């Protein structure tokens, strides 16, 4: 089991790791749309979806994996009305169309509009 850490994704805001590599698979923690360079959060669902995707991909790359190796994602939306706009941005990054769950939740950390976690081959 190997802990994943990269400066190219936001650091954990709680008692957890960015991700782990276990038995040939990468498990990422949920990634909210925080820019790792300056801690800013972009405005709007499209920009937030893009940043969340970039954060997930940075962790996967740090583990020697990538978007093409993603098997499953779980996506959380603050508003189900953002589903179509979220999908439009998400599709640009996860072109292999991994299995996915996408649900609306009551609240997300820092008041963001989305969060994404992934499982991928290492």
C-alpha atoms as a PDB file:
ATOM      1  CA  UNK A   1       0.000   0.000   0.000  1.00  0.00           C
ATOM      2  CA  UNK A   2       1.436   3.376  -1.042  1.00  0.00           C
ATOM      3  CA  UNK A   3       0.186   6.801  -0.005  1.00  0.00           C
ATOM      4  CA  UNK A   4      -0.155   9.285  -2.868  1.00  0.00           C
ATOM      5  CA  UNK A   5       0.818  12.906  -2.391  1.00  0.00           C
ATOM      6  CA  UNK A   6       1.260  15.620  -4.994  1.00  0.00           C
ATOM      7  CA  UNK A   7       1.548  19.390  -4.816  1.00  0.00           C
ATOM      8  CA  UNK A   8      -0.463  19.465  -8.083  1.00  0.00           C
ATOM      9  CA  UNK A   9      -3.689  18.755  -6.194  1.00  0.00           C
ATOM     10  CA  UNK A  10      -5.030  20.420  -3.050  1.00  0.00           C
ATOM     11  CA  UNK A  11      -3.782  19.112   0.254  1.00  0.00           C
ATOM     12  CA  UNK A  12      -6.214  17.305   2.508  1.00  0.00           C
ATOM     13  CA  UNK A  13      -8.429  19.583   4.585  1.00  0.00           C
ATOM     14  CA  UNK A  14      -9.011  16.830   7.123  1.00  0.00           C
ATOM     15  CA  UNK A  15      -7.484  13.609   8.489  1.00  0.00           C
ATOM     16  CA  UNK A  16      -7.137  11.781   5.153  1.00  0.00           C
ATOM     17  CA  UNK A  17      -4.727  11.263   2.242  1.00  0.00           C
ATOM     18  CA  UNK A  18      -5.082  12.412  -1.361  1.00  0.00           C
ATOM     19  CA  UNK A  19      -5.118   8.762  -2.330  1.00  0.00           C
ATOM     20  CA  UNK A  20      -3.660   5.277  -2.076  1.00  0.00           C
ATOM     21  CA  UNK A  21      -2.315   2.645  -4.437  1.00  0.00           C
ATOM     22  CA  UNK A  22      -3.408  -0.803  -3.259  1.00  0.00           C
ATOM     23  CA  UNK A  23      -3.114  -4.109  -5.153  1.00  0.00           C
ATOM     24  CA  UNK A  24      -2.687  -2.420  -8.521  1.00  0.00           C
ATOM     25  CA  UNK A  25      -5.499   0.106  -8.083  1.00  0.00           C
ATOM     26  CA  UNK A  26      -5.522   3.811  -7.293  1.00  0.00           C
ATOM     27  CA  UNK A  27      -8.193   5.155  -4.946  1.00  0.00           C
ATOM     28  CA  UNK A  28      -8.477   8.936  -4.783  1.00  0.00           C
ATOM     29  CA  UNK A  29     -10.109  10.959  -2.076  1.00  0.00           C
ATOM     30  CA  UNK A  30     -12.905  13.226  -3.205  1.00  0.00           C
ATOM     31  CA  UNK A  31     -11.549  16.297  -4.933  1.00  0.00           C
ATOM     32  CA  UNK A  32     -13.261  19.627  -4.665  1.00  0.00           C
ATOM     33  CA  UNK A  33     -12.447  22.501  -7.043  1.00  0.00           C
ATOM     34  CA  UNK A  34      -9.652  24.141  -5.070  1.00  0.00           C
ATOM     35  CA  UNK A  35      -6.786  25.445  -7.192  1.00  0.00           C
ATOM     36  CA  UNK A  36      -3.674  23.893  -5.589  1.00  0.00           C
ATOM     37  CA  UNK A  37      -1.490  26.838  -6.628  1.00  0.00           C
ATOM     38  CA  UNK A  38      -3.316  29.509  -4.665  1.00  0.00           C
ATOM     39  CA  UNK A  39      -6.266  27.922  -2.836  1.00  0.00           C
ATOM     40  CA  UNK A  40      -8.843  29.779  -4.904  1.00  0.00           C
ATOM     41  CA  UNK A  41     -12.179  28.277  -5.942  1.00  0.00           C
ATOM     42  CA  UNK A  42     -13.489  29.199  -9.397  1.00  0.00           C
ATOM     43  CA  UNK A  43     -17.009  30.539  -9.945  1.00  0.00           C
ATOM     44  CA  UNK A  44     -19.763  28.414 -11.499  1.00  0.00           C
ATOM     45  CA  UNK A  45     -20.330  24.720 -12.055  1.00  0.00           C
ATOM     46  CA  UNK A  46     -18.400  24.442 -15.344  1.00  0.00           C
ATOM     47  CA  UNK A  47     -15.218  25.956 -13.938  1.00  0.00           C
ATOM     48  CA  UNK A  48     -15.584  24.013 -10.690  1.00  0.00           C
ATOM     49  CA  UNK A  49     -16.137  20.721 -12.535  1.00  0.00           C
ATOM     50  CA  UNK A  50     -13.016  21.367 -14.621  1.00  0.00           C
ATOM     51  CA  UNK A  51     -10.894  22.091 -11.534  1.00  0.00           C
ATOM     52  CA  UNK A  52     -12.195  19.011  -9.711  1.00  0.00           C
ATOM     53  CA  UNK A  53     -11.344  16.876 -12.754  1.00  0.00           C
ATOM     54  CA  UNK A  54      -7.842  18.387 -12.943  1.00  0.00           C
ATOM     55  CA  UNK A  55      -7.307  17.655  -9.250  1.00  0.00           C
ATOM     56  CA  UNK A  56      -8.346  13.998  -9.641  1.00  0.00           C
ATOM     57  CA  UNK A  57      -6.100  13.613 -12.683  1.00  0.00           C
ATOM     58  CA  UNK A  58      -3.130  15.141 -10.835  1.00  0.00           C
ATOM     59  CA  UNK A  59      -3.458  12.500  -8.118  1.00  0.00           C
ATOM     60  CA  UNK A  60      -3.804   9.719 -10.681  1.00  0.00           C
ATOM     61  CA  UNK A  61      -0.707  10.954 -12.526  1.00  0.00           C
ATOM     62  CA  UNK A  62       1.250  11.096  -9.259  1.00  0.00           C
ATOM     63  CA  UNK A  63       0.359   7.414  -8.822  1.00  0.00           C
ATOM     64  CA  UNK A  64       1.510   6.524 -12.360  1.00  0.00           C
ATOM     65  CA  UNK A  65      -2.035   6.233 -13.666  1.00  0.00           C
ATOM     66  CA  UNK A  66      -4.247   8.495 -15.758  1.00  0.00           C
ATOM     67  CA  UNK A  67      -7.744   9.271 -17.009  1.00  0.00           C
ATOM     68  CA  UNK A  68      -7.711   6.382 -19.483  1.00  0.00           C
ATOM     69  CA  UNK A  69      -7.265   3.918 -16.604  1.00  0.00           C
ATOM     70  CA  UNK A  70     -10.224   5.121 -14.536  1.00  0.00           C
ATOM     71  CA  UNK A  71     -12.701   2.341 -13.822  1.00  0.00           C
ATOM     72  CA  UNK A  72     -15.228   4.186 -11.645  1.00  0.00           C
ATOM     73  CA  UNK A  73     -15.948   7.692 -10.459  1.00  0.00           C
ATOM     74  CA  UNK A  74     -18.322   8.967  -7.839  1.00  0.00           C
ATOM     75  CA  UNK A  75     -19.515  12.528  -8.320  1.00  0.00           C
ATOM     76  CA  UNK A  76     -21.333  14.744  -5.859  1.00  0.00           C
ATOM     77  CA  UNK A  77     -23.313  17.821  -6.858  1.00  0.00           C
ATOM     78  CA  UNK A  78     -24.687  20.507  -4.577  1.00  0.00           C
ATOM     79  CA  UNK A  79     -27.524  21.064  -7.070  1.00  0.00           C
ATOM     80  CA  UNK A  80     -28.928  18.351  -9.354  1.00  0.00           C
ATOM     81  CA  UNK A  81     -29.919  21.179 -11.712  1.00  0.00           C
ATOM     82  CA  UNK A  82     -26.169  21.427 -12.525  1.00  0.00           C
ATOM     83  CA  UNK A  83     -26.135  17.841 -13.871  1.00  0.00           C
ATOM     84  CA  UNK A  84     -26.039  18.747 -17.596  1.00  0.00           C
ATOM     85  CA  UNK A  85     -23.386  21.462 -17.226  1.00  0.00           C
ATOM     86  CA  UNK A  86     -21.314  19.179 -14.979  1.00  0.00           C
ATOM     87  CA  UNK A  87     -21.539  16.345 -17.524  1.00  0.00           C
ATOM     88  CA  UNK A  88     -20.415  18.613 -20.345  1.00  0.00           C
ATOM     89  CA  UNK A  89     -17.194  19.476 -18.520  1.00  0.00           C
ATOM     90  CA  UNK A  90     -16.637  16.002 -17.015  1.00  0.00           C
ATOM     91  CA  UNK A  91     -16.852  14.403 -20.492  1.00  0.00           C
ATOM     92  CA  UNK A  92     -13.813  16.422 -21.629  1.00  0.00           C
ATOM     93  CA  UNK A  93     -11.609  14.724 -19.017  1.00  0.00           C
ATOM     94  CA  UNK A  94     -13.035  11.209 -18.672  1.00  0.00           C
ATOM     95  CA  UNK A  95     -13.276  10.323 -22.364  1.00  0.00           C
ATOM     96  CA  UNK A  96     -13.128   6.565 -21.716  1.00  0.00           C
ATOM     97  CA  UNK A  97     -16.539   6.867 -20.019  1.00  0.00           C
ATOM     98  CA  UNK A  98     -15.821   4.962 -16.786  1.00  0.00           C
ATOM     99  CA  UNK A  99     -18.638   3.607 -14.648  1.00  0.00           C
ATOM    100  CA  UNK A 100     -20.046   6.422 -12.540  1.00  0.00           C
ATOM    101  CA  UNK A 101     -22.425   7.396  -9.793  1.00  0.00           C
ATOM    102  CA  UNK A 102     -23.538  11.027  -9.619  1.00  0.00           C
ATOM    103  CA  UNK A 103     -25.727  12.237  -6.796  1.00  0.00           C
ATOM    104  CA  UNK A 104     -26.936  15.497  -5.339  1.00  0.00           C
ATOM    105  CA  UNK A 105     -26.010  16.106  -1.725  1.00  0.00           C
ATOM    106  CA  UNK A 106     -27.085  18.690   0.815  1.00  0.00           C
ATOM    107  CA  UNK A 107     -23.702  20.417   1.233  1.00  0.00           C
ATOM    108  CA  UNK A 108     -20.081  20.041   0.170  1.00  0.00           C
ATOM    109  CA  UNK A 109     -16.907  21.282   1.905  1.00  0.00           C
ATOM    110  CA  UNK A 110     -16.142  24.999   1.479  1.00  0.00           C
ATOM    111  CA  UNK A 111     -19.550  25.519  -0.134  1.00  0.00           C
ATOM    112  CA  UNK A 112     -18.381  24.178  -3.513  1.00  0.00           C
ATOM    113  CA  UNK A 113     -20.730  22.911  -6.199  1.00  0.00           C
ATOM    114  CA  UNK A 114     -19.105  19.530  -6.951  1.00  0.00           C
ATOM    115  CA  UNK A 115     -16.695  16.842  -5.766  1.00  0.00           C
ATOM    116  CA  UNK A 116     -15.220  13.879  -7.655  1.00  0.00           C
ATOM    117  CA  UNK A 117     -13.456  10.705  -6.502  1.00  0.00           C
ATOM    118  CA  UNK A 118     -12.047   7.936  -8.673  1.00  0.00           C
ATOM    119  CA  UNK A 119     -10.833   4.345  -8.754  1.00  0.00           C
ATOM    120  CA  UNK A 120      -8.304   3.498 -11.475  1.00  0.00           C
ATOM    121  CA  UNK A 121      -5.780   0.904 -12.517  1.00  0.00           C
ATOM    122  CA  UNK A 122      -2.314   1.852 -11.305  1.00  0.00           C
END
